[in-house]
Every structure is written in structure tokens, then in C-alpha cells.
Amino acid sequence: MGGAESMSRAEPMSHRGRGRTLGPLSREGPTVLELRQLKYFLAVADDLSVAAAARRLRMAQSALSQAVHKMERQLGTPLFDRAGGRLRLTAAGRLLLPEARALVDLPRSLLTSLP
């Protein structure tokens, strides 16, 4: 690669090769997300409220908020628009939503498909 110049630029993260992007890759390579993080994202996206999602997940609101912010930093893009005191999914959040649901449901569907 091209030395220091290429290290300072963040490349967009392609979404299944369809030309859509979620955010930049880190210098270390692709971002790794855990199922737990995706479950947190889905809870907040479903409720459009960190407080309500935290109650449902039985965790502290501040811990959930920090986890969502960490995920956004990892992806390099906001998933929620926090303007006006209300949460709304951003374009990246709307793009991630169906993929996160599929990934979170995958272990359950794998278990039910086993003999």
C-alpha cells in the first residue's frame, strides 16, 4: 500500500458489495461487532428510546447509551439522529437494521434446523 498517506485515509465499509456504505474501516482492518452489540442496537431501534430499551434489556441506561456510542465509533458513522430530544434512525441505521435482525436471529434458526 501507499505508506503514511494510505494509513491516514479511512476507506468506506462496503455493505455486501452492493455499493452502499456504513462507515469507514479502521486502520486495523474491518470492524468486528458482537451479537450483544447488535441486540443493543435493535432494542434501541425498536423502542427509539434508550431508556425504554435499557428497561427491557434490564441494564443501566448509561451503559446502553455508551454501548451504542461505542458501536457508532467502531462503524465510523452515527446510527441514530439525536436531534430534538428524539431518536430516529439515520440512513446507516436503516441500512444496518435488517442485517442486524438477520444476524441476531441466525443462531436460533441454526439450532432449530439441526436434527
N, C-alpha and C. Protein backbone atom coordinates (compact mmCIF):
# COMPACT_ATOMS: atom_id res chain seq x y z
N MET A 1 0.84 -1.19 0.00
CA MET A 1 0.00 0.00 0.00
C MET A 1 0.87 1.23 0.00
N GLY A 2 0.28 2.42 0.03
CA GLY A 2 0.98 3.66 -0.18
C GLY A 2 1.49 4.37 1.04
N GLY A 3 2.01 3.69 2.05
CA GLY A 3 2.67 4.34 3.17
C GLY A 3 1.75 5.14 4.05
N ALA A 4 2.28 6.25 4.59
CA ALA A 4 1.57 7.07 5.57
C ALA A 4 0.30 7.68 5.00
N GLU A 5 0.33 8.03 3.71
CA GLU A 5 -0.84 8.64 3.12
C GLU A 5 -2.04 7.69 3.15
N SER A 6 -1.83 6.42 2.79
CA SER A 6 -2.95 5.48 2.79
C SER A 6 -3.39 5.14 4.21
N MET A 7 -2.49 5.22 5.17
CA MET A 7 -2.85 4.93 6.56
C MET A 7 -3.72 6.03 7.16
N SER A 8 -3.63 7.24 6.64
CA SER A 8 -4.38 8.34 7.23
C SER A 8 -5.80 8.44 6.67
N ARG A 9 -6.08 7.74 5.56
CA ARG A 9 -7.41 7.79 4.97
C ARG A 9 -8.24 6.61 5.43
N ALA A 10 -9.49 6.85 5.74
CA ALA A 10 -10.39 5.76 6.09
C ALA A 10 -11.19 5.39 4.85
N GLU A 11 -11.22 4.12 4.53
CA GLU A 11 -11.97 3.64 3.37
C GLU A 11 -13.40 3.33 3.80
N PRO A 12 -14.38 3.54 2.93
CA PRO A 12 -15.75 3.20 3.30
C PRO A 12 -15.93 1.69 3.40
N MET A 13 -16.77 1.29 4.35
CA MET A 13 -17.05 -0.12 4.55
C MET A 13 -18.19 -0.51 3.63
N SER A 14 -17.95 -1.38 2.70
CA SER A 14 -18.95 -1.81 1.75
C SER A 14 -19.94 -2.74 2.44
N HIS A 15 -21.20 -2.64 2.05
CA HIS A 15 -22.27 -3.47 2.61
C HIS A 15 -22.60 -4.56 1.60
N ARG A 16 -22.04 -5.76 1.82
CA ARG A 16 -22.27 -6.91 0.95
C ARG A 16 -22.02 -6.59 -0.52
N GLY A 17 -21.07 -5.71 -0.78
CA GLY A 17 -20.68 -5.44 -2.15
C GLY A 17 -21.73 -4.74 -2.99
N ARG A 18 -22.74 -4.17 -2.39
CA ARG A 18 -23.80 -3.51 -3.15
C ARG A 18 -23.53 -2.03 -3.36
N GLY A 19 -22.34 -1.58 -3.00
CA GLY A 19 -22.01 -0.19 -3.23
C GLY A 19 -22.48 0.75 -2.14
N ARG A 20 -23.26 0.26 -1.17
CA ARG A 20 -23.71 1.11 -0.07
C ARG A 20 -22.66 1.06 1.02
N THR A 21 -22.57 2.12 1.82
CA THR A 21 -21.56 2.15 2.86
C THR A 21 -22.19 2.41 4.21
N LEU A 22 -21.58 1.82 5.24
CA LEU A 22 -21.98 2.09 6.62
C LEU A 22 -21.04 3.08 7.26
N GLY A 23 -19.79 3.08 6.89
CA GLY A 23 -18.84 3.99 7.50
C GLY A 23 -17.42 3.53 7.21
N PRO A 24 -16.44 4.27 7.70
CA PRO A 24 -15.06 3.93 7.37
C PRO A 24 -14.57 2.70 8.13
N LEU A 25 -13.64 2.02 7.52
CA LEU A 25 -12.94 0.95 8.20
C LEU A 25 -11.88 1.56 9.09
N SER A 26 -11.52 0.88 10.14
CA SER A 26 -10.43 1.36 10.98
C SER A 26 -9.11 1.08 10.29
N ARG A 27 -8.06 1.66 10.77
CA ARG A 27 -6.74 1.40 10.19
C ARG A 27 -6.33 -0.05 10.39
N GLU A 28 -6.87 -0.68 11.42
CA GLU A 28 -6.51 -2.06 11.73
C GLU A 28 -7.25 -3.05 10.86
N GLY A 29 -8.23 -2.62 10.10
CA GLY A 29 -9.00 -3.53 9.24
C GLY A 29 -10.48 -3.40 9.53
N PRO A 30 -11.26 -4.39 9.09
CA PRO A 30 -12.71 -4.31 9.26
C PRO A 30 -13.12 -4.29 10.73
N THR A 31 -14.21 -3.64 11.01
CA THR A 31 -14.75 -3.58 12.35
C THR A 31 -15.43 -4.90 12.68
N VAL A 32 -15.19 -5.41 13.88
CA VAL A 32 -15.84 -6.63 14.34
C VAL A 32 -16.89 -6.24 15.35
N LEU A 33 -18.12 -6.64 15.08
CA LEU A 33 -19.22 -6.37 16.01
C LEU A 33 -19.63 -7.68 16.66
N GLU A 34 -20.07 -7.58 17.90
CA GLU A 34 -20.54 -8.74 18.64
C GLU A 34 -22.07 -8.79 18.56
N LEU A 35 -22.62 -10.01 18.68
CA LEU A 35 -24.07 -10.15 18.68
C LEU A 35 -24.71 -9.30 19.77
N ARG A 36 -24.04 -9.20 20.91
CA ARG A 36 -24.56 -8.39 22.02
C ARG A 36 -24.76 -6.95 21.56
N GLN A 37 -23.80 -6.40 20.83
CA GLN A 37 -23.91 -5.02 20.36
C GLN A 37 -25.09 -4.88 19.40
N LEU A 38 -25.26 -5.87 18.53
CA LEU A 38 -26.37 -5.82 17.58
C LEU A 38 -27.71 -5.91 18.31
N LYS A 39 -27.77 -6.71 19.38
CA LYS A 39 -29.00 -6.79 20.18
C LYS A 39 -29.31 -5.45 20.83
N TYR A 40 -28.28 -4.78 21.33
CA TYR A 40 -28.48 -3.45 21.92
C TYR A 40 -28.99 -2.47 20.87
N PHE A 41 -28.37 -2.49 19.70
CA PHE A 41 -28.80 -1.60 18.61
C PHE A 41 -30.27 -1.87 18.27
N LEU A 42 -30.64 -3.14 18.13
CA LEU A 42 -32.01 -3.49 17.78
C LEU A 42 -33.01 -3.03 18.85
N ALA A 43 -32.66 -3.19 20.11
CA ALA A 43 -33.56 -2.77 21.18
C ALA A 43 -33.80 -1.26 21.12
N VAL A 44 -32.75 -0.49 20.94
CA VAL A 44 -32.90 0.97 20.85
C VAL A 44 -33.66 1.34 19.58
N ALA A 45 -33.36 0.67 18.47
CA ALA A 45 -34.05 0.95 17.21
C ALA A 45 -35.53 0.61 17.31
N ASP A 46 -35.88 -0.47 17.98
CA ASP A 46 -37.28 -0.87 18.12
C ASP A 46 -38.05 0.12 18.99
N ASP A 47 -37.43 0.57 20.08
CA ASP A 47 -38.11 1.47 21.02
C ASP A 47 -37.92 2.94 20.67
N LEU A 48 -36.90 3.25 19.89
CA LEU A 48 -36.49 4.63 19.62
C LEU A 48 -36.35 5.41 20.92
N SER A 49 -35.87 4.70 21.94
CA SER A 49 -35.65 5.28 23.26
C SER A 49 -34.61 4.44 23.98
N VAL A 50 -33.53 5.08 24.40
CA VAL A 50 -32.50 4.36 25.16
C VAL A 50 -33.06 3.94 26.51
N ALA A 51 -33.84 4.80 27.14
CA ALA A 51 -34.40 4.48 28.46
C ALA A 51 -35.31 3.26 28.40
N ALA A 52 -36.21 3.24 27.43
CA ALA A 52 -37.14 2.10 27.30
C ALA A 52 -36.39 0.82 26.94
N ALA A 53 -35.42 0.92 26.05
CA ALA A 53 -34.63 -0.25 25.67
C ALA A 53 -33.82 -0.77 26.86
N ALA A 54 -33.27 0.13 27.64
CA ALA A 54 -32.49 -0.28 28.82
C ALA A 54 -33.38 -1.01 29.83
N ARG A 55 -34.59 -0.52 30.03
CA ARG A 55 -35.52 -1.21 30.94
C ARG A 55 -35.82 -2.61 30.42
N ARG A 56 -36.09 -2.72 29.12
CA ARG A 56 -36.42 -4.02 28.53
C ARG A 56 -35.23 -4.97 28.61
N LEU A 57 -34.03 -4.45 28.43
CA LEU A 57 -32.82 -5.27 28.50
C LEU A 57 -32.33 -5.50 29.93
N ARG A 58 -32.99 -4.82 30.88
CA ARG A 58 -32.62 -4.89 32.30
C ARG A 58 -31.16 -4.50 32.51
N MET A 59 -30.84 -3.31 31.99
CA MET A 59 -29.49 -2.78 32.17
C MET A 59 -29.58 -1.28 32.41
N ALA A 60 -28.50 -0.71 32.87
CA ALA A 60 -28.47 0.73 33.13
C ALA A 60 -28.54 1.50 31.81
N GLN A 61 -29.29 2.59 31.83
CA GLN A 61 -29.44 3.43 30.65
C GLN A 61 -28.08 3.96 30.18
N SER A 62 -27.24 4.36 31.13
CA SER A 62 -25.93 4.92 30.76
C SER A 62 -25.06 3.85 30.09
N ALA A 63 -25.14 2.61 30.55
CA ALA A 63 -24.35 1.53 29.95
C ALA A 63 -24.81 1.25 28.52
N LEU A 64 -26.12 1.27 28.30
CA LEU A 64 -26.65 1.05 26.95
C LEU A 64 -26.27 2.19 26.03
N SER A 65 -26.40 3.41 26.53
CA SER A 65 -26.03 4.58 25.73
C SER A 65 -24.55 4.52 25.34
N GLN A 66 -23.70 4.17 26.28
CA GLN A 66 -22.26 4.05 25.99
C GLN A 66 -22.00 2.95 24.96
N ALA A 67 -22.71 1.84 25.07
CA ALA A 67 -22.52 0.73 24.12
C ALA A 67 -22.92 1.15 22.70
N VAL A 68 -24.01 1.89 22.59
CA VAL A 68 -24.45 2.36 21.26
C VAL A 68 -23.44 3.35 20.70
N HIS A 69 -22.97 4.27 21.53
CA HIS A 69 -21.96 5.24 21.07
C HIS A 69 -20.68 4.52 20.64
N LYS A 70 -20.29 3.49 21.38
CA LYS A 70 -19.09 2.74 21.02
C LYS A 70 -19.27 2.07 19.66
N MET A 71 -20.43 1.50 19.44
CA MET A 71 -20.72 0.84 18.17
C MET A 71 -20.66 1.85 17.02
N GLU A 72 -21.21 3.04 17.25
CA GLU A 72 -21.17 4.09 16.22
C GLU A 72 -19.72 4.49 15.94
N ARG A 73 -18.90 4.59 16.98
CA ARG A 73 -17.48 4.91 16.77
C ARG A 73 -16.79 3.79 15.98
N GLN A 74 -17.10 2.55 16.32
CA GLN A 74 -16.49 1.42 15.62
C GLN A 74 -16.86 1.44 14.13
N LEU A 75 -18.10 1.74 13.84
CA LEU A 75 -18.57 1.77 12.46
C LEU A 75 -18.16 3.05 11.75
N GLY A 76 -17.86 4.08 12.52
CA GLY A 76 -17.45 5.35 11.94
C GLY A 76 -18.60 6.18 11.41
N THR A 77 -19.81 5.91 11.89
CA THR A 77 -20.97 6.65 11.42
C THR A 77 -22.07 6.60 12.48
N PRO A 78 -22.85 7.66 12.62
CA PRO A 78 -23.97 7.61 13.56
C PRO A 78 -25.08 6.69 13.06
N LEU A 79 -25.68 5.96 13.96
CA LEU A 79 -26.81 5.09 13.63
C LEU A 79 -28.13 5.73 14.00
N PHE A 80 -28.07 6.72 14.89
CA PHE A 80 -29.27 7.41 15.34
C PHE A 80 -29.07 8.91 15.22
N ASP A 81 -30.13 9.59 14.84
CA ASP A 81 -30.17 11.06 14.86
C ASP A 81 -30.78 11.44 16.20
N ARG A 82 -30.04 12.19 16.99
CA ARG A 82 -30.48 12.53 18.33
C ARG A 82 -31.01 13.96 18.43
N ALA A 83 -31.30 14.59 17.34
CA ALA A 83 -31.75 15.99 17.33
C ALA A 83 -33.16 16.11 17.89
N GLY A 84 -33.41 17.18 18.58
CA GLY A 84 -34.74 17.47 19.09
C GLY A 84 -35.19 16.59 20.23
N GLY A 85 -34.27 15.94 20.90
CA GLY A 85 -34.64 15.12 22.05
C GLY A 85 -35.30 13.80 21.70
N ARG A 86 -35.38 13.48 20.41
CA ARG A 86 -35.97 12.21 19.97
C ARG A 86 -34.97 11.44 19.15
N LEU A 87 -35.03 10.14 19.21
CA LEU A 87 -34.15 9.30 18.41
C LEU A 87 -34.83 8.92 17.11
N ARG A 88 -34.07 8.99 16.04
CA ARG A 88 -34.51 8.48 14.73
C ARG A 88 -33.33 7.76 14.11
N LEU A 89 -33.61 6.73 13.36
CA LEU A 89 -32.53 6.03 12.67
C LEU A 89 -31.98 6.90 11.55
N THR A 90 -30.68 6.91 11.41
CA THR A 90 -30.05 7.57 10.27
C THR A 90 -30.12 6.60 9.08
N ALA A 91 -29.64 7.04 7.93
CA ALA A 91 -29.60 6.17 6.76
C ALA A 91 -28.77 4.92 7.05
N ALA A 92 -27.65 5.09 7.75
CA ALA A 92 -26.81 3.95 8.11
C ALA A 92 -27.55 3.02 9.08
N GLY A 93 -28.29 3.58 10.02
CA GLY A 93 -29.07 2.77 10.95
C GLY A 93 -30.15 1.98 10.24
N ARG A 94 -30.80 2.62 9.26
CA ARG A 94 -31.83 1.91 8.48
C ARG A 94 -31.22 0.81 7.63
N LEU A 95 -30.01 1.02 7.15
CA LEU A 95 -29.31 0.02 6.37
C LEU A 95 -28.89 -1.16 7.25
N LEU A 96 -28.46 -0.88 8.45
CA LEU A 96 -28.00 -1.93 9.37
C LEU A 96 -29.15 -2.74 9.96
N LEU A 97 -30.31 -2.14 10.12
CA LEU A 97 -31.43 -2.76 10.83
C LEU A 97 -31.79 -4.16 10.34
N PRO A 98 -32.10 -4.37 9.06
CA PRO A 98 -32.48 -5.73 8.64
C PRO A 98 -31.31 -6.72 8.73
N GLU A 99 -30.11 -6.24 8.49
CA GLU A 99 -28.94 -7.11 8.58
C GLU A 99 -28.70 -7.53 10.03
N ALA A 100 -28.86 -6.60 10.96
CA ALA A 100 -28.69 -6.91 12.39
C ALA A 100 -29.74 -7.92 12.83
N ARG A 101 -30.99 -7.74 12.39
CA ARG A 101 -32.05 -8.70 12.74
C ARG A 101 -31.70 -10.10 12.25
N ALA A 102 -31.24 -10.18 11.01
CA ALA A 102 -30.90 -11.48 10.43
C ALA A 102 -29.75 -12.13 11.20
N LEU A 103 -28.75 -11.35 11.55
CA LEU A 103 -27.60 -11.90 12.28
C LEU A 103 -27.98 -12.35 13.69
N VAL A 104 -28.82 -11.57 14.36
CA VAL A 104 -29.23 -11.92 15.72
C VAL A 104 -30.13 -13.16 15.70
N ASP A 105 -30.93 -13.32 14.66
CA ASP A 105 -31.82 -14.48 14.55
C ASP A 105 -31.10 -15.73 14.04
N LEU A 106 -29.93 -15.58 13.47
CA LEU A 106 -29.23 -16.71 12.87
C LEU A 106 -28.94 -17.86 13.84
N PRO A 107 -28.40 -17.60 15.03
CA PRO A 107 -28.14 -18.75 15.95
C PRO A 107 -29.41 -19.54 16.27
N ARG A 108 -30.51 -18.86 16.47
CA ARG A 108 -31.78 -19.54 16.77
C ARG A 108 -32.23 -20.38 15.59
N SER A 109 -32.14 -19.83 14.38
CA SER A 109 -32.56 -20.58 13.20
C SER A 109 -31.63 -21.76 12.93
N LEU A 110 -30.34 -21.60 13.23
CA LEU A 110 -29.43 -22.73 13.09
C LEU A 110 -29.79 -23.85 14.04
N LEU A 111 -30.11 -23.50 15.27
CA LEU A 111 -30.47 -24.53 16.27
C LEU A 111 -31.75 -25.26 15.90
N THR A 112 -32.72 -24.53 15.37
CA THR A 112 -33.99 -25.18 15.02
C THR A 112 -33.85 -26.03 13.77
N SER A 113 -32.83 -25.78 12.96
CA SER A 113 -32.65 -26.58 11.74
C SER A 113 -31.87 -27.86 11.98
N LEU A 114 -31.25 -27.97 13.14
CA LEU A 114 -30.49 -29.18 13.45
C LEU A 114 -31.43 -30.32 13.81
N PRO A 115 -31.04 -31.57 13.44
CA PRO A 115 -31.92 -32.72 13.76
C PRO A 115 -31.99 -33.01 15.24
